[in-house]
Amino acid sequence: MTQLGLPEDIQACLFDLDGVVTKTAVVHAAAWKETFDAFLREREGADFRPFDAGADYDEYVDGRPRADGVRTFLASRGIELPEGRPDDPPDAATVNGVGNRKNLLVLEKIRTEGVEAYDGTLRYIEAVRAQGLRTAIVSSSANTRDVLRSIKAEGLFDVRIDGVVAAERKLPGKPHPDTFLAAARDLGIEPSHAAVFEDALAGMDAGRSGHFGYVVGVDRVGQAEALSAHGADVVVKDLSELGGRA
């Protein structure tokens, strides 16, 4: 292990955004809850069962592209919606409509509440770069660039693979490994020489199936056992636990 807490042959670090770099996972969970609860209340009436911002978010939504999150959660309730179009209005009863409603809510929450970074993560990334390792941000969010700019962290990453890039390249999102594999490829690094840093179970699955050299689970919400079960090589509450200057 290096002083960064990584195997000696790791040459690049691939970081998720929400929940790893920024404290926005809770904001996303709240926006999903508001969106799904309004949809389910109207559809189910007296049988309404609310979205669980903990268990449902972790299992069906966290780390996935927005439309995949809509499909996966609603399928767990036996609901199937037409896909619709990417520009569907937020009140449309389509996968894209529900997703667009959530995005409006999360952007409003970010505007009003701001974005806060995990200082331990930023210091760790600086330590990683000081040791000569390459870095990439890998997120399903289409708002990644704006969020990074808001915390003045865009310059900490050599490569960005986010929801915008994934759509352009037609890359399936997590739990598929394709976005992480694209980041490693853009960095010129073999997956076996790259480490994945994720807080989502879908991200753990992506790291495992992509055969990356090391997978770090970041446990922000008390799901250490689940992160390990989904493929984490090590689980930490904060990247400062790994060493370096963090």
Protein backbone atom coordinates (compact mmCIF):
# COMPACT_ATOMS: atom_id res chain seq x y z
CA MET A 1 0.00 0.00 0.00
CA THR A 2 1.12 3.57 -0.71
CA GLN A 3 0.83 6.47 1.70
CA LEU A 4 -2.44 7.17 -0.10
CA GLY A 5 -3.89 3.87 1.14
CA LEU A 6 -3.90 2.40 -2.37
CA PRO A 7 -2.09 -0.56 -3.96
CA GLU A 8 1.32 0.31 -5.39
CA ASP A 9 0.25 -0.26 -9.01
CA ILE A 10 -2.65 2.22 -8.99
CA GLN A 11 -2.01 5.03 -11.48
CA ALA A 12 -5.36 6.82 -11.56
CA CYS A 13 -8.27 7.62 -9.25
CA LEU A 14 -11.87 7.83 -10.52
CA PHE A 15 -14.21 9.73 -8.20
CA ASP A 16 -17.98 9.84 -8.05
CA LEU A 17 -19.39 13.32 -7.36
CA ASP A 18 -22.48 13.21 -5.13
CA GLY A 19 -21.65 11.78 -1.72
CA VAL A 20 -17.93 11.45 -2.43
CA VAL A 21 -16.76 14.91 -3.48
CA THR A 22 -19.85 16.95 -2.59
CA LYS A 23 -22.51 16.76 0.09
CA THR A 24 -25.30 16.70 -2.46
CA ALA A 25 -26.51 13.11 -2.09
CA VAL A 26 -28.94 14.20 0.65
CA VAL A 27 -30.22 16.99 -1.61
CA HIS A 28 -30.80 14.51 -4.44
CA ALA A 29 -32.58 12.09 -2.10
CA ALA A 30 -34.90 14.88 -0.90
CA ALA A 31 -35.69 15.92 -4.48
CA TRP A 32 -36.44 12.32 -5.46
CA LYS A 33 -38.72 11.91 -2.45
CA GLU A 34 -40.68 15.05 -3.23
CA THR A 35 -41.01 13.99 -6.87
CA PHE A 36 -41.99 10.36 -6.29
CA ASP A 37 -44.32 11.10 -3.37
CA ALA A 38 -46.32 13.57 -5.46
CA PHE A 39 -46.51 11.07 -8.33
CA LEU A 40 -47.43 8.10 -6.12
CA ARG A 41 -49.98 10.04 -4.06
CA GLU A 42 -51.87 10.99 -7.22
CA ARG A 43 -51.62 7.48 -8.69
CA GLU A 44 -52.23 5.35 -5.59
CA GLY A 45 -54.69 7.47 -3.63
CA ALA A 46 -55.63 5.80 -0.34
CA ASP A 47 -53.01 3.08 -0.94
CA PHE A 48 -50.22 5.66 -1.18
CA ARG A 49 -46.91 4.37 0.18
CA PRO A 50 -44.22 7.06 0.28
CA PHE A 51 -40.74 6.86 -1.22
CA ASP A 52 -38.15 6.03 1.42
CA ALA A 53 -35.31 8.56 1.05
CA GLY A 54 -32.99 6.05 2.73
CA ALA A 55 -33.72 2.48 1.62
CA ASP A 56 -35.45 3.21 -1.71
CA TYR A 57 -32.91 5.85 -2.68
CA ASP A 58 -29.95 3.55 -1.95
CA GLU A 59 -31.46 0.51 -3.67
CA TYR A 60 -33.10 1.95 -6.77
CA VAL A 61 -31.85 5.47 -7.50
CA ASP A 62 -28.46 6.40 -6.05
CA GLY A 63 -25.68 6.52 -8.64
CA ARG A 64 -27.91 5.71 -11.60
CA PRO A 65 -28.70 8.01 -14.53
CA ARG A 66 -31.87 9.96 -13.86
CA ALA A 67 -34.14 8.03 -16.26
CA ASP A 68 -32.81 4.69 -15.00
CA GLY A 69 -33.62 5.76 -11.44
CA VAL A 70 -37.20 6.56 -12.43
CA ARG A 71 -37.65 3.23 -14.23
CA THR A 72 -36.00 1.13 -11.54
CA PHE A 73 -37.89 2.58 -8.60
CA LEU A 74 -41.28 2.60 -10.32
CA ALA A 75 -40.73 -1.00 -11.46
CA SER A 76 -40.28 -1.92 -7.78
CA ARG A 77 -43.85 -0.65 -7.30
CA GLY A 78 -45.14 -2.47 -10.37
CA ILE A 79 -45.47 0.76 -12.37
CA GLU A 80 -44.35 1.17 -15.98
CA LEU A 81 -44.47 4.51 -17.79
CA PRO A 82 -43.89 5.44 -21.41
CA GLU A 83 -40.41 6.85 -22.02
CA GLY A 84 -41.56 10.14 -23.48
CA ARG A 85 -39.00 12.62 -24.80
CA PRO A 86 -36.00 14.28 -23.10
CA ASP A 87 -37.78 17.65 -23.25
CA ASP A 88 -41.04 16.41 -21.71
CA PRO A 89 -42.60 18.93 -19.30
CA PRO A 90 -42.15 18.11 -15.60
CA ASP A 91 -45.83 17.27 -15.17
CA ALA A 92 -45.83 14.63 -17.94
CA ALA A 93 -46.61 11.06 -16.82
CA THR A 94 -43.54 9.70 -18.60
CA VAL A 95 -40.12 8.52 -17.48
CA ASN A 96 -38.56 11.71 -18.81
CA GLY A 97 -41.29 13.89 -17.34
CA VAL A 98 -40.80 12.49 -13.83
CA GLY A 99 -37.04 12.79 -14.21
CA ASN A 100 -37.29 16.40 -15.39
CA ARG A 101 -39.47 17.26 -12.40
CA LYS A 102 -36.78 15.87 -10.09
CA ASN A 103 -34.05 17.82 -11.89
CA LEU A 104 -35.95 21.10 -11.50
CA LEU A 105 -36.32 20.42 -7.79
CA VAL A 106 -32.69 19.52 -7.22
CA LEU A 107 -31.43 22.55 -9.15
CA GLU A 108 -33.67 24.79 -7.06
CA LYS A 109 -32.40 23.17 -3.85
CA ILE A 110 -28.80 23.63 -4.97
CA ARG A 111 -29.46 27.28 -5.86
CA THR A 112 -31.12 28.03 -2.53
CA GLU A 113 -29.01 25.83 -0.25
CA GLY A 114 -25.69 25.92 -2.12
CA VAL A 115 -23.20 23.11 -2.63
CA GLU A 116 -20.72 22.02 0.02
CA ALA A 117 -17.66 19.86 -0.61
CA TYR A 118 -16.14 17.23 1.64
CA ASP A 119 -12.87 18.82 2.69
CA GLY A 120 -11.29 15.42 3.36
CA THR A 121 -11.97 14.42 -0.25
CA LEU A 122 -10.54 17.61 -1.73
CA ARG A 123 -7.39 17.27 0.33
CA TYR A 124 -7.08 13.62 -0.67
CA ILE A 125 -7.43 14.48 -4.37
CA GLU A 126 -4.72 17.12 -4.00
CA ALA A 127 -2.49 14.50 -2.35
CA VAL A 128 -3.23 12.02 -5.15
CA ARG A 129 -2.26 14.56 -7.80
CA ALA A 130 0.86 15.56 -5.88
CA GLN A 131 1.96 11.92 -6.09
CA GLY A 132 1.59 12.01 -9.88
CA LEU A 133 -1.65 9.99 -10.19
CA ARG A 134 -4.25 10.99 -12.78
CA THR A 135 -7.79 11.89 -11.69
CA ALA A 136 -11.28 11.78 -13.20
CA ILE A 137 -14.76 12.69 -12.05
CA VAL A 138 -17.40 10.11 -13.02
CA SER A 139 -21.02 11.03 -12.33
CA SER A 140 -24.45 10.36 -13.77
CA SER A 141 -25.35 14.02 -13.12
CA ALA A 142 -25.77 16.35 -16.08
CA ASN A 143 -24.95 19.22 -13.71
CA THR A 144 -21.45 18.00 -12.82
CA ARG A 145 -19.49 20.84 -14.43
CA ASP A 146 -21.59 23.54 -12.77
CA VAL A 147 -21.30 21.85 -9.37
CA LEU A 148 -17.51 21.50 -9.68
CA ARG A 149 -17.20 25.14 -10.68
CA SER A 150 -19.30 26.19 -7.70
CA ILE A 151 -16.81 24.56 -5.31
CA LYS A 152 -13.81 25.66 -7.42
CA ALA A 153 -12.75 22.05 -8.02
CA GLU A 154 -12.98 21.70 -11.81
CA GLY A 155 -9.17 21.92 -12.10
CA LEU A 156 -8.69 18.90 -9.81
CA PHE A 157 -9.72 16.47 -12.55
CA ASP A 158 -7.99 15.55 -15.79
CA VAL A 159 -11.11 13.94 -17.24
CA ARG A 160 -14.86 14.42 -16.75
CA ILE A 161 -17.36 11.69 -17.64
CA ASP A 162 -20.82 12.88 -16.57
CA GLY A 163 -24.42 12.64 -17.70
CA VAL A 164 -23.78 14.98 -20.63
CA VAL A 165 -20.76 13.02 -21.90
CA ALA A 166 -22.50 9.68 -21.31
CA ALA A 167 -25.47 10.79 -23.43
CA GLU A 168 -23.17 12.00 -26.22
CA ARG A 169 -21.26 8.71 -26.26
CA LYS A 170 -24.33 6.56 -25.55
CA LEU A 171 -22.73 5.04 -22.45
CA PRO A 172 -25.02 3.07 -20.13
CA GLY A 173 -24.88 4.33 -16.55
CA LYS A 174 -24.07 2.63 -13.28
CA PRO A 175 -24.36 -0.21 -12.26
CA HIS A 176 -22.79 -0.81 -15.69
CA PRO A 177 -19.07 -0.01 -15.64
CA ASP A 178 -19.02 1.86 -18.96
CA THR A 179 -18.65 5.41 -17.60
CA PHE A 180 -15.75 4.41 -15.35
CA LEU A 181 -14.17 2.44 -18.20
CA ALA A 182 -14.48 5.51 -20.44
CA ALA A 183 -12.74 7.64 -17.80
CA ALA A 184 -9.85 5.17 -17.53
CA ARG A 185 -9.60 5.01 -21.31
CA ASP A 186 -9.54 8.81 -21.63
CA LEU A 187 -6.77 8.90 -19.02
CA GLY A 188 -4.82 6.25 -20.91
CA ILE A 189 -4.88 3.91 -17.90
CA GLU A 190 -5.85 0.23 -17.79
CA PRO A 191 -8.82 -0.43 -15.45
CA SER A 192 -6.65 -2.77 -13.39
CA HIS A 193 -4.43 0.22 -12.58
CA ALA A 194 -7.31 2.53 -11.60
CA ALA A 195 -9.13 2.96 -8.29
CA VAL A 196 -12.85 3.75 -8.06
CA PHE A 197 -14.23 5.91 -5.24
CA GLU A 198 -18.00 5.54 -4.75
CA ASP A 199 -20.69 5.89 -2.10
CA ALA A 200 -23.49 4.23 -4.09
CA LEU A 201 -24.24 0.52 -4.29
CA ALA A 202 -24.64 0.87 -8.06
CA GLY A 203 -21.16 2.38 -8.14
CA MET A 204 -19.75 -0.58 -6.24
CA ASP A 205 -21.33 -2.91 -8.78
CA ALA A 206 -19.76 -0.87 -11.60
CA GLY A 207 -16.32 -1.02 -9.97
CA ARG A 208 -16.54 -4.77 -9.48
CA SER A 209 -17.86 -5.63 -12.95
CA GLY A 210 -15.32 -3.32 -14.60
CA HIS A 211 -12.46 -5.24 -12.95
CA PHE A 212 -10.84 -2.12 -11.55
CA GLY A 213 -7.69 -2.45 -9.49
CA TYR A 214 -9.21 -1.13 -6.26
CA VAL A 215 -12.70 -0.06 -5.18
CA VAL A 216 -13.14 2.32 -2.25
CA GLY A 217 -16.59 2.48 -0.67
CA VAL A 218 -17.35 5.79 1.04
CA ASP A 219 -19.91 5.20 3.76
CA ARG A 220 -21.78 8.45 4.44
CA VAL A 221 -25.07 6.91 5.59
CA GLY A 222 -24.21 3.78 7.59
CA GLN A 223 -24.24 1.16 4.83
CA ALA A 224 -20.70 -0.22 5.22
CA GLU A 225 -21.80 -3.86 5.07
CA ALA A 226 -23.80 -3.31 1.90
CA LEU A 227 -20.90 -1.47 0.23
CA SER A 228 -18.60 -4.39 1.04
CA ALA A 229 -21.17 -6.91 -0.20
CA HIS A 230 -21.41 -5.01 -3.49
CA GLY A 231 -17.67 -5.16 -4.11
CA ALA A 232 -15.76 -2.58 -2.06
CA ASP A 233 -12.17 -3.57 -1.27
CA VAL A 234 -12.19 -1.12 1.63
CA VAL A 235 -14.88 1.04 3.23
CA VAL A 236 -14.16 4.39 4.89
CA LYS A 237 -16.36 7.10 6.32
CA ASP A 238 -14.11 9.80 4.88
CA LEU A 239 -11.16 9.73 2.49
CA SER A 240 -9.00 11.28 5.21
CA GLU A 241 -8.84 7.74 6.65
CA LEU A 242 -6.82 6.56 3.65
CA GLY A 243 -3.79 8.72 4.36
CA GLY A 244 -1.90 11.14 2.16
CA ARG A 245 -2.25 14.75 3.25
CA ALA A 246 -6.03 14.35 3.63
